[in-house]
Amino acid sequence: MRACAICGKHQAIGRAVTHRGMLKKKGGVGRRTVRTSLRRFLPNLQPATVLLNGRVQRVRVCTRCLRNGRVVKAPVRSRQPASA
């Protein structure tokens, strides 16, 4: 299961409700529920290189954690010039 490495946010399950009929205020007899089908609400996870438990790791983090500063991003390593 995909989940945020910081807050643990994961997918939630809900229902998509299909209706038919015209609204009463538009002259109909009202909307009726035809069917309900399951759907998934997925978290917006982004791959990020972070400092986690003192180690640099590449993990999936939700955008809410990224935006609110709960993630300490790993410092960018400088490239060493190739020695001849």
C-alpha atoms as a PDB file:
ATOM      1  CA  MET A   1       0.000   0.000   0.000  1.00  0.00           C
ATOM      2  CA  ARG A   2       1.343   3.415  -0.913  1.00  0.00           C
ATOM      3  CA  ALA A   3       1.579   5.758   2.021  1.00  0.00           C
ATOM      4  CA  CYS A   4       3.426   8.919   3.043  1.00  0.00           C
ATOM      5  CA  ALA A   5       6.686   8.122   4.853  1.00  0.00           C
ATOM      6  CA  ILE A   6       6.201  11.071   7.240  1.00  0.00           C
ATOM      7  CA  CYS A   7       2.518  11.203   8.237  1.00  0.00           C
ATOM      8  CA  GLY A   8       1.320   7.793   7.017  1.00  0.00           C
ATOM      9  CA  LYS A   9      -1.472   9.168   4.830  1.00  0.00           C
ATOM     10  CA  HIS A  10      -2.805   6.424   2.555  1.00  0.00           C
ATOM     11  CA  GLN A  11      -5.663   5.789   0.163  1.00  0.00           C
ATOM     12  CA  ALA A  12      -9.245   6.133   1.324  1.00  0.00           C
ATOM     13  CA  ILE A  13     -12.258   4.365  -0.141  1.00  0.00           C
ATOM     14  CA  GLY A  14     -15.522   6.102  -0.976  1.00  0.00           C
ATOM     15  CA  ARG A  15     -18.427   5.807  -3.343  1.00  0.00           C
ATOM     16  CA  ALA A  16     -19.364   7.466  -6.614  1.00  0.00           C
ATOM     17  CA  VAL A  17     -23.128   7.921  -6.732  1.00  0.00           C
ATOM     18  CA  THR A  18     -24.879   7.968 -10.126  1.00  0.00           C
ATOM     19  CA  HIS A  19     -28.203   9.844 -10.362  1.00  0.00           C
ATOM     20  CA  ARG A  20     -30.888  10.170 -12.986  1.00  0.00           C
ATOM     21  CA  GLY A  21     -34.049  12.209 -13.363  1.00  0.00           C
ATOM     22  CA  MET A  22     -34.799  15.923 -13.415  1.00  0.00           C
ATOM     23  CA  LEU A  23     -34.654  18.118 -10.345  1.00  0.00           C
ATOM     24  CA  LYS A  24     -37.982  18.970  -8.695  1.00  0.00           C
ATOM     25  CA  LYS A  25     -37.303  22.688  -8.966  1.00  0.00           C
ATOM     26  CA  LYS A  26     -36.860  22.251 -12.724  1.00  0.00           C
ATOM     27  CA  GLY A  27     -40.208  20.493 -13.104  1.00  0.00           C
ATOM     28  CA  GLY A  28     -39.237  16.869 -12.614  1.00  0.00           C
ATOM     29  CA  VAL A  29     -40.139  14.318  -9.961  1.00  0.00           C
ATOM     30  CA  GLY A  30     -36.714  14.449  -8.334  1.00  0.00           C
ATOM     31  CA  ARG A  31     -33.320  12.827  -8.681  1.00  0.00           C
ATOM     32  CA  ARG A  32     -33.015   9.109  -8.048  1.00  0.00           C
ATOM     33  CA  THR A  33     -29.920   7.133  -7.157  1.00  0.00           C
ATOM     34  CA  VAL A  34     -29.249   4.557  -9.859  1.00  0.00           C
ATOM     35  CA  ARG A  35     -26.076   2.914  -8.576  1.00  0.00           C
ATOM     36  CA  THR A  36     -23.131   3.410  -6.282  1.00  0.00           C
ATOM     37  CA  SER A  37     -19.699   2.201  -7.281  1.00  0.00           C
ATOM     38  CA  LEU A  38     -16.571   2.108  -5.173  1.00  0.00           C
ATOM     39  CA  ARG A  39     -13.787   4.570  -5.889  1.00  0.00           C
ATOM     40  CA  ARG A  40     -10.430   5.359  -4.334  1.00  0.00           C
ATOM     41  CA  PHE A  41      -9.106   8.671  -3.059  1.00  0.00           C
ATOM     42  CA  LEU A  42      -5.337   8.518  -3.546  1.00  0.00           C
ATOM     43  CA  PRO A  43      -2.899  10.796  -1.687  1.00  0.00           C
ATOM     44  CA  ASN A  44      -0.675  13.073  -3.755  1.00  0.00           C
ATOM     45  CA  LEU A  45       2.655  11.363  -3.111  1.00  0.00           C
ATOM     46  CA  GLN A  46       5.888  12.702  -4.565  1.00  0.00           C
ATOM     47  CA  PRO A  47       9.324  11.088  -4.495  1.00  0.00           C
ATOM     48  CA  ALA A  48      11.746  13.109  -2.381  1.00  0.00           C
ATOM     49  CA  THR A  49      15.288  12.699  -1.093  1.00  0.00           C
ATOM     50  CA  VAL A  50      15.057  13.395   2.632  1.00  0.00           C
ATOM     51  CA  LEU A  51      17.011  13.028   5.839  1.00  0.00           C
ATOM     52  CA  LEU A  52      15.188  10.303   7.767  1.00  0.00           C
ATOM     53  CA  ASN A  53      16.628   8.952  11.028  1.00  0.00           C
ATOM     54  CA  GLY A  54      19.994  10.511  10.225  1.00  0.00           C
ATOM     55  CA  ARG A  55      20.260   8.825   6.831  1.00  0.00           C
ATOM     56  CA  VAL A  56      19.617  10.096   3.316  1.00  0.00           C
ATOM     57  CA  GLN A  57      16.712   8.161   1.834  1.00  0.00           C
ATOM     58  CA  ARG A  58      14.526   8.436  -1.230  1.00  0.00           C
ATOM     59  CA  VAL A  59      10.929   8.066  -0.055  1.00  0.00           C
ATOM     60  CA  ARG A  60       7.379   8.948  -1.085  1.00  0.00           C
ATOM     61  CA  VAL A  61       6.075  12.003   0.761  1.00  0.00           C
ATOM     62  CA  CYS A  62       2.653  13.638   0.482  1.00  0.00           C
ATOM     63  CA  THR A  63       2.543  17.212  -0.761  1.00  0.00           C
ATOM     64  CA  ARG A  64       1.002  18.442   2.500  1.00  0.00           C
ATOM     65  CA  CYS A  65       4.123  17.356   4.406  1.00  0.00           C
ATOM     66  CA  LEU A  66       6.365  18.951   1.778  1.00  0.00           C
ATOM     67  CA  ARG A  67       4.436  22.222   1.869  1.00  0.00           C
ATOM     68  CA  ASN A  68       4.217  22.448   5.670  1.00  0.00           C
ATOM     69  CA  GLY A  69       7.931  21.848   6.213  1.00  0.00           C
ATOM     70  CA  ARG A  70       7.663  18.490   7.990  1.00  0.00           C
ATOM     71  CA  VAL A  71      10.342  17.112   5.670  1.00  0.00           C
ATOM     72  CA  VAL A  72      14.057  17.863   6.004  1.00  0.00           C
ATOM     73  CA  LYS A  73      15.390  17.602   2.482  1.00  0.00           C
ATOM     74  CA  ALA A  74      18.823  16.074   2.033  1.00  0.00           C
ATOM     75  CA  PRO A  75      21.637  18.491   1.108  1.00  0.00           C
ATOM     76  CA  VAL A  76      22.652  18.464  -2.538  1.00  0.00           C
ATOM     77  CA  ARG A  77      25.990  16.750  -2.986  1.00  0.00           C
ATOM     78  CA  SER A  78      28.572  18.613  -5.006  1.00  0.00           C
ATOM     79  CA  ARG A  79      30.183  16.704  -7.841  1.00  0.00           C
ATOM     80  CA  GLN A  80      33.859  15.923  -7.538  1.00  0.00           C
ATOM     81  CA  PRO A  81      35.888  16.710 -10.661  1.00  0.00           C
ATOM     82  CA  ALA A  82      37.200  13.630 -12.418  1.00  0.00           C
ATOM     83  CA  SER A  83      40.920  13.229 -11.716  1.00  0.00           C
ATOM     84  CA  ALA A  84      43.172  12.323 -14.611  1.00  0.00           C
END
